[in-house]
Structures are given as C-alpha cells and as structure tokens.
Amino acid sequence: MNVHECVKFISDSVDRSSDELKSREDWFVLWESIVELSLFVDFIIDYDLQKQKQSAQKKREI
C-alpha cells in the first residue's frame, strides 16, 4: 500500500461507524495502514534531519 492509499483507507475507515468495522480483518488493515503511514513519516523526518546535518557539516567545512 502506498502512502496515498493508506491515507485514503484511514479516512474512509474513520468516516464509517465502528459498527461497520466489526471484522477483525477490517481493524487489522486499518491498523496496518496507520503503521505504514507512521513509518513513512518517520522516514521523511529522518531524511530531513540527515540533510540538515549534511548542510551544517558543509557550512563548517567552508
């Protein structure tokens, strides 16, 4: 599942009432989507921090 699909699935699931999310599989897929999305956000944050460290290191070298 890509990020767009994760966000869409989560928002669609939130729109439904909890009565409609009765099966364990629905809850599992919802949870899996949230986890995948959070991992992607962590990746972006780590990538950004690495870029900031690299640019700070280059500035020190100059």
PDB file of N, CA and C in Angstrom:
ATOM      1  N   MET A   1       0.849  -1.178   0.000  1.00  0.00           N
ATOM      2  CA  MET A   1       0.000   0.000   0.000  1.00  0.00           C
ATOM      3  C   MET A   1       0.895   1.242   0.000  1.00  0.00           C
ATOM      4  N   ASN A   2       0.651   2.165  -0.901  1.00  0.00           N
ATOM      5  CA  ASN A   2       1.444   3.386  -0.887  1.00  0.00           C
ATOM      6  C   ASN A   2       0.814   4.397   0.077  1.00  0.00           C
ATOM      7  N   VAL A   3       1.468   5.515   0.253  1.00  0.00           N
ATOM      8  CA  VAL A   3       1.028   6.499   1.240  1.00  0.00           C
ATOM      9  C   VAL A   3      -0.370   7.017   0.918  1.00  0.00           C
ATOM     10  N   HIS A   4      -0.613   7.313  -0.348  1.00  0.00           N
ATOM     11  CA  HIS A   4      -1.922   7.835  -0.748  1.00  0.00           C
ATOM     12  C   HIS A   4      -3.023   6.825  -0.396  1.00  0.00           C
ATOM     13  N   GLU A   5      -2.776   5.559  -0.691  1.00  0.00           N
ATOM     14  CA  GLU A   5      -3.760   4.522  -0.376  1.00  0.00           C
ATOM     15  C   GLU A   5      -3.975   4.395   1.127  1.00  0.00           C
ATOM     16  N   CYS A   6      -2.895   4.507   1.908  1.00  0.00           N
ATOM     17  CA  CYS A   6      -3.006   4.439   3.370  1.00  0.00           C
ATOM     18  C   CYS A   6      -3.887   5.566   3.895  1.00  0.00           C
ATOM     19  N   VAL A   7      -3.622   6.777   3.441  1.00  0.00           N
ATOM     20  CA  VAL A   7      -4.394   7.928   3.912  1.00  0.00           C
ATOM     21  C   VAL A   7      -5.858   7.783   3.511  1.00  0.00           C
ATOM     22  N   LYS A   8      -6.109   7.362   2.281  1.00  0.00           N
ATOM     23  CA  LYS A   8      -7.484   7.196   1.817  1.00  0.00           C
ATOM     24  C   LYS A   8      -8.209   6.130   2.626  1.00  0.00           C
ATOM     25  N   PHE A   9      -7.534   5.016   2.854  1.00  0.00           N
ATOM     26  CA  PHE A   9      -8.173   3.941   3.612  1.00  0.00           C
ATOM     27  C   PHE A   9      -8.474   4.384   5.040  1.00  0.00           C
ATOM     28  N   ILE A  10      -7.529   5.070   5.662  1.00  0.00           N
ATOM     29  CA  ILE A  10      -7.745   5.545   7.035  1.00  0.00           C
ATOM     30  C   ILE A  10      -8.907   6.522   7.077  1.00  0.00           C
ATOM     31  N   SER A  11      -8.935   7.468   6.160  1.00  0.00           N
ATOM     32  CA  SER A  11     -10.021   8.454   6.179  1.00  0.00           C
ATOM     33  C   SER A  11     -11.364   7.798   5.874  1.00  0.00           C
ATOM     34  N   ASP A  12     -11.389   6.840   4.953  1.00  0.00           N
ATOM     35  CA  ASP A  12     -12.636   6.113   4.669  1.00  0.00           C
ATOM     36  C   ASP A  12     -13.095   5.330   5.892  1.00  0.00           C
ATOM     37  N   SER A  13     -12.154   4.741   6.606  1.00  0.00           N
ATOM     38  CA  SER A  13     -12.493   3.952   7.794  1.00  0.00           C
ATOM     39  C   SER A  13     -13.015   4.840   8.911  1.00  0.00           C
ATOM     40  N   VAL A  14     -12.456   6.014   9.041  1.00  0.00           N
ATOM     41  CA  VAL A  14     -12.906   6.947  10.070  1.00  0.00           C
ATOM     42  C   VAL A  14     -14.314   7.430   9.757  1.00  0.00           C
ATOM     43  N   ASP A  15     -14.614   7.577   8.475  1.00  0.00           N
ATOM     44  CA  ASP A  15     -15.952   8.016   8.081  1.00  0.00           C
ATOM     45  C   ASP A  15     -17.025   6.977   8.408  1.00  0.00           C
ATOM     46  N   ARG A  16     -16.650   5.720   8.388  1.00  0.00           N
ATOM     47  CA  ARG A  16     -17.627   4.673   8.711  1.00  0.00           C
ATOM     48  C   ARG A  16     -17.812   4.589  10.221  1.00  0.00           C
ATOM     49  N   SER A  17     -18.957   4.148  10.633  1.00  0.00           N
ATOM     50  CA  SER A  17     -19.179   3.975  12.067  1.00  0.00           C
ATOM     51  C   SER A  17     -18.434   2.732  12.542  1.00  0.00           C
ATOM     52  N   SER A  18     -18.171   2.652  13.821  1.00  0.00           N
ATOM     53  CA  SER A  18     -17.440   1.499  14.343  1.00  0.00           C
ATOM     54  C   SER A  18     -18.233   0.207  14.182  1.00  0.00           C
ATOM     55  N   ASP A  19     -19.548   0.316  14.040  1.00  0.00           N
ATOM     56  CA  ASP A  19     -20.372  -0.883  13.803  1.00  0.00           C
ATOM     57  C   ASP A  19     -20.023  -1.540  12.479  1.00  0.00           C
ATOM     58  N   GLU A  20     -19.625  -0.739  11.511  1.00  0.00           N
ATOM     59  CA  GLU A  20     -19.289  -1.284  10.195  1.00  0.00           C
ATOM     60  C   GLU A  20     -17.898  -1.909  10.181  1.00  0.00           C
ATOM     61  N   LEU A  21     -17.097  -1.596  11.169  1.00  0.00           N
ATOM     62  CA  LEU A  21     -15.740  -2.148  11.232  1.00  0.00           C
ATOM     63  C   LEU A  21     -15.697  -3.297  12.234  1.00  0.00           C
ATOM     64  N   LYS A  22     -16.620  -4.212  12.089  1.00  0.00           N
ATOM     65  CA  LYS A  22     -16.724  -5.292  13.071  1.00  0.00           C
ATOM     66  C   LYS A  22     -15.702  -6.390  12.869  1.00  0.00           C
ATOM     67  N   SER A  23     -15.391  -6.693  11.645  1.00  0.00           N
ATOM     68  CA  SER A  23     -14.494  -7.823  11.422  1.00  0.00           C
ATOM     69  C   SER A  23     -13.068  -7.472  11.840  1.00  0.00           C
ATOM     70  N   ARG A  24     -12.395  -8.476  12.321  1.00  0.00           N
ATOM     71  CA  ARG A  24     -11.006  -8.280  12.762  1.00  0.00           C
ATOM     72  C   ARG A  24     -10.118  -7.876  11.589  1.00  0.00           C
ATOM     73  N   GLU A  25     -10.441  -8.397  10.430  1.00  0.00           N
ATOM     74  CA  GLU A  25      -9.643  -8.091   9.246  1.00  0.00           C
ATOM     75  C   GLU A  25      -9.696  -6.599   8.928  1.00  0.00           C
ATOM     76  N   ASP A  26     -10.888  -5.996   9.037  1.00  0.00           N
ATOM     77  CA  ASP A  26     -11.012  -4.555   8.797  1.00  0.00           C
ATOM     78  C   ASP A  26     -10.145  -3.764   9.768  1.00  0.00           C
ATOM     79  N   TRP A  27     -10.198  -4.141  11.026  1.00  0.00           N
ATOM     80  CA  TRP A  27      -9.399  -3.437  12.028  1.00  0.00           C
ATOM     81  C   TRP A  27      -7.913  -3.649  11.785  1.00  0.00           C
ATOM     82  N   PHE A  28      -7.551  -4.876  11.403  1.00  0.00           N
ATOM     83  CA  PHE A  28      -6.147  -5.172  11.127  1.00  0.00           C
ATOM     84  C   PHE A  28      -5.621  -4.331   9.964  1.00  0.00           C
ATOM     85  N   VAL A  29      -6.397  -4.254   8.893  1.00  0.00           N
ATOM     86  CA  VAL A  29      -5.972  -3.476   7.721  1.00  0.00           C
ATOM     87  C   VAL A  29      -5.884  -1.994   8.092  1.00  0.00           C
ATOM     88  N   LEU A  30      -6.841  -1.522   8.896  1.00  0.00           N
ATOM     89  CA  LEU A  30      -6.790  -0.129   9.346  1.00  0.00           C
ATOM     90  C   LEU A  30      -5.531   0.114  10.164  1.00  0.00           C
ATOM     91  N   TRP A  31      -5.248  -0.776  11.094  1.00  0.00           N
ATOM     92  CA  TRP A  31      -4.053  -0.627  11.941  1.00  0.00           C
ATOM     93  C   TRP A  31      -2.786  -0.701  11.088  1.00  0.00           C
ATOM     94  N   GLU A  32      -2.747  -1.628  10.154  1.00  0.00           N
ATOM     95  CA  GLU A  32      -1.595  -1.777   9.272  1.00  0.00           C
ATOM     96  C   GLU A  32      -1.367  -0.494   8.462  1.00  0.00           C
ATOM     97  N   SER A  33      -2.441   0.116   8.004  1.00  0.00           N
ATOM     98  CA  SER A  33      -2.329   1.357   7.238  1.00  0.00           C
ATOM     99  C   SER A  33      -1.758   2.479   8.095  1.00  0.00           C
ATOM    100  N   ILE A  34      -2.229   2.573   9.327  1.00  0.00           N
ATOM    101  CA  ILE A  34      -1.727   3.608  10.245  1.00  0.00           C
ATOM    102  C   ILE A  34      -0.240   3.393  10.512  1.00  0.00           C
ATOM    103  N   VAL A  35       0.154   2.148  10.731  1.00  0.00           N
ATOM    104  CA  VAL A  35       1.568   1.841  10.995  1.00  0.00           C
ATOM    105  C   VAL A  35       2.427   2.177   9.780  1.00  0.00           C
ATOM    106  N   GLU A  36       1.971   1.789   8.593  1.00  0.00           N
ATOM    107  CA  GLU A  36       2.738   2.092   7.378  1.00  0.00           C
ATOM    108  C   GLU A  36       2.900   3.594   7.183  1.00  0.00           C
ATOM    109  N   LEU A  37       1.828   4.323   7.439  1.00  0.00           N
ATOM    110  CA  LEU A  37       1.878   5.774   7.295  1.00  0.00           C
ATOM    111  C   LEU A  37       2.844   6.379   8.313  1.00  0.00           C
ATOM    112  N   SER A  38       2.813   5.904   9.534  1.00  0.00           N
ATOM    113  CA  SER A  38       3.719   6.444  10.548  1.00  0.00           C
ATOM    114  C   SER A  38       5.175   6.112  10.222  1.00  0.00           C
ATOM    115  N   LEU A  39       5.424   4.936   9.671  1.00  0.00           N
ATOM    116  CA  LEU A  39       6.787   4.586   9.264  1.00  0.00           C
ATOM    117  C   LEU A  39       7.271   5.498   8.142  1.00  0.00           C
ATOM    118  N   PHE A  40       6.383   5.835   7.222  1.00  0.00           N
ATOM    119  CA  PHE A  40       6.741   6.728   6.137  1.00  0.00           C
ATOM    120  C   PHE A  40       7.069   8.124   6.673  1.00  0.00           C
ATOM    121  N   VAL A  41       6.269   8.590   7.633  1.00  0.00           N
ATOM    122  CA  VAL A  41       6.521   9.900   8.236  1.00  0.00           C
ATOM    123  C   VAL A  41       7.863   9.881   8.971  1.00  0.00           C
ATOM    124  N   ASP A  42       8.151   8.807   9.700  1.00  0.00           N
ATOM    125  CA  ASP A  42       9.447   8.671  10.372  1.00  0.00           C
ATOM    126  C   ASP A  42      10.591   8.723   9.363  1.00  0.00           C
ATOM    127  N   PHE A  43      10.415   8.055   8.226  1.00  0.00           N
ATOM    128  CA  PHE A  43      11.435   8.052   7.186  1.00  0.00           C
ATOM    129  C   PHE A  43      11.690   9.478   6.676  1.00  0.00           C
ATOM    130  N   ILE A  44      10.617  10.228   6.441  1.00  0.00           N
ATOM    131  CA  ILE A  44      10.754  11.600   5.951  1.00  0.00           C
ATOM    132  C   ILE A  44      11.480  12.465   6.980  1.00  0.00           C
ATOM    133  N   ILE A  45      11.121  12.320   8.230  1.00  0.00           N
ATOM    134  CA  ILE A  45      11.765  13.105   9.291  1.00  0.00           C
ATOM    135  C   ILE A  45      13.251  12.757   9.374  1.00  0.00           C
ATOM    136  N   ASP A  46      13.585  11.461   9.349  1.00  0.00           N
ATOM    137  CA  ASP A  46      14.991  11.042   9.383  1.00  0.00           C
ATOM    138  C   ASP A  46      15.757  11.582   8.187  1.00  0.00           C
ATOM    139  N   TYR A  47      15.161  11.515   7.018  1.00  0.00           N
ATOM    140  CA  TYR A  47      15.796  12.008   5.796  1.00  0.00           C
ATOM    141  C   TYR A  47      16.069  13.510   5.912  1.00  0.00           C
ATOM    142  N   ASP A  48      15.091  14.242   6.410  1.00  0.00           N
ATOM    143  CA  ASP A  48      15.237  15.685   6.571  1.00  0.00           C
ATOM    144  C   ASP A  48      16.336  16.008   7.579  1.00  0.00           C
ATOM    145  N   LEU A  49      16.390  15.281   8.673  1.00  0.00           N
ATOM    146  CA  LEU A  49      17.429  15.508   9.680  1.00  0.00           C
ATOM    147  C   LEU A  49      18.822  15.226   9.105  1.00  0.00           C
ATOM    148  N   GLN A  50      18.942  14.174   8.300  1.00  0.00           N
ATOM    149  CA  GLN A  50      20.227  13.860   7.671  1.00  0.00           C
ATOM    150  C   GLN A  50      20.658  14.983   6.728  1.00  0.00           C
ATOM    151  N   LYS A  51      19.710  15.511   5.952  1.00  0.00           N
ATOM    152  CA  LYS A  51      20.017  16.616   5.039  1.00  0.00           C
ATOM    153  C   LYS A  51      20.476  17.850   5.822  1.00  0.00           C
ATOM    154  N   GLN A  52      19.804  18.135   6.939  1.00  0.00           N
ATOM    155  CA  GLN A  52      20.185  19.286   7.758  1.00  0.00           C
ATOM    156  C   GLN A  52      21.584  19.100   8.328  1.00  0.00           C
ATOM    157  N   LYS A  53      21.898  17.882   8.775  1.00  0.00           N
ATOM    158  CA  LYS A  53      23.236  17.606   9.311  1.00  0.00           C
ATOM    159  C   LYS A  53      24.295  17.770   8.225  1.00  0.00           C
ATOM    160  N   GLN A  54      23.996  17.273   7.014  1.00  0.00           N
ATOM    161  CA  GLN A  54      24.948  17.386   5.912  1.00  0.00           C
ATOM    162  C   GLN A  54      25.190  18.843   5.548  1.00  0.00           C
ATOM    163  N   SER A  55      24.142  19.641   5.491  1.00  0.00           N
ATOM    164  CA  SER A  55      24.323  21.050   5.131  1.00  0.00           C
ATOM    165  C   SER A  55      25.066  21.794   6.233  1.00  0.00           C
ATOM    166  N   ALA A  56      24.825  21.447   7.489  1.00  0.00           N
ATOM    167  CA  ALA A  56      25.553  22.080   8.597  1.00  0.00           C
ATOM    168  C   ALA A  56      27.022  21.687   8.538  1.00  0.00           C
ATOM    169  N   GLN A  57      27.299  20.444   8.178  1.00  0.00           N
ATOM    170  CA  GLN A  57      28.680  19.975   8.076  1.00  0.00           C
ATOM    171  C   GLN A  57      29.399  20.681   6.930  1.00  0.00           C
ATOM    172  N   LYS A  58      28.726  20.883   5.810  1.00  0.00           N
ATOM    173  CA  LYS A  58      29.332  21.580   4.680  1.00  0.00           C
ATOM    174  C   LYS A  58      29.638  23.025   5.046  1.00  0.00           C
ATOM    175  N   LYS A  59      28.755  23.665   5.802  1.00  0.00           N
ATOM    176  CA  LYS A  59      28.974  25.049   6.212  1.00  0.00           C
ATOM    177  C   LYS A  59      30.190  25.150   7.120  1.00  0.00           C
ATOM    178  N   ARG A  60      30.398  24.158   7.990  1.00  0.00           N
ATOM    179  CA  ARG A  60      31.559  24.163   8.873  1.00  0.00           C
ATOM    180  C   ARG A  60      32.856  23.992   8.081  1.00  0.00           C
ATOM    181  N   GLU A  61      32.795  23.211   7.000  1.00  0.00           N
ATOM    182  CA  GLU A  61      33.991  22.972   6.193  1.00  0.00           C
ATOM    183  C   GLU A  61      34.405  24.219   5.427  1.00  0.00           C
ATOM    184  N   ILE A  62      33.451  25.072   5.119  1.00  0.00           N
ATOM    185  CA  ILE A  62      33.743  26.272   4.330  1.00  0.00           C
ATOM    186  C   ILE A  62      34.329  27.322   5.175  1.00  0.00           C
TER     187      ILE A  62
END
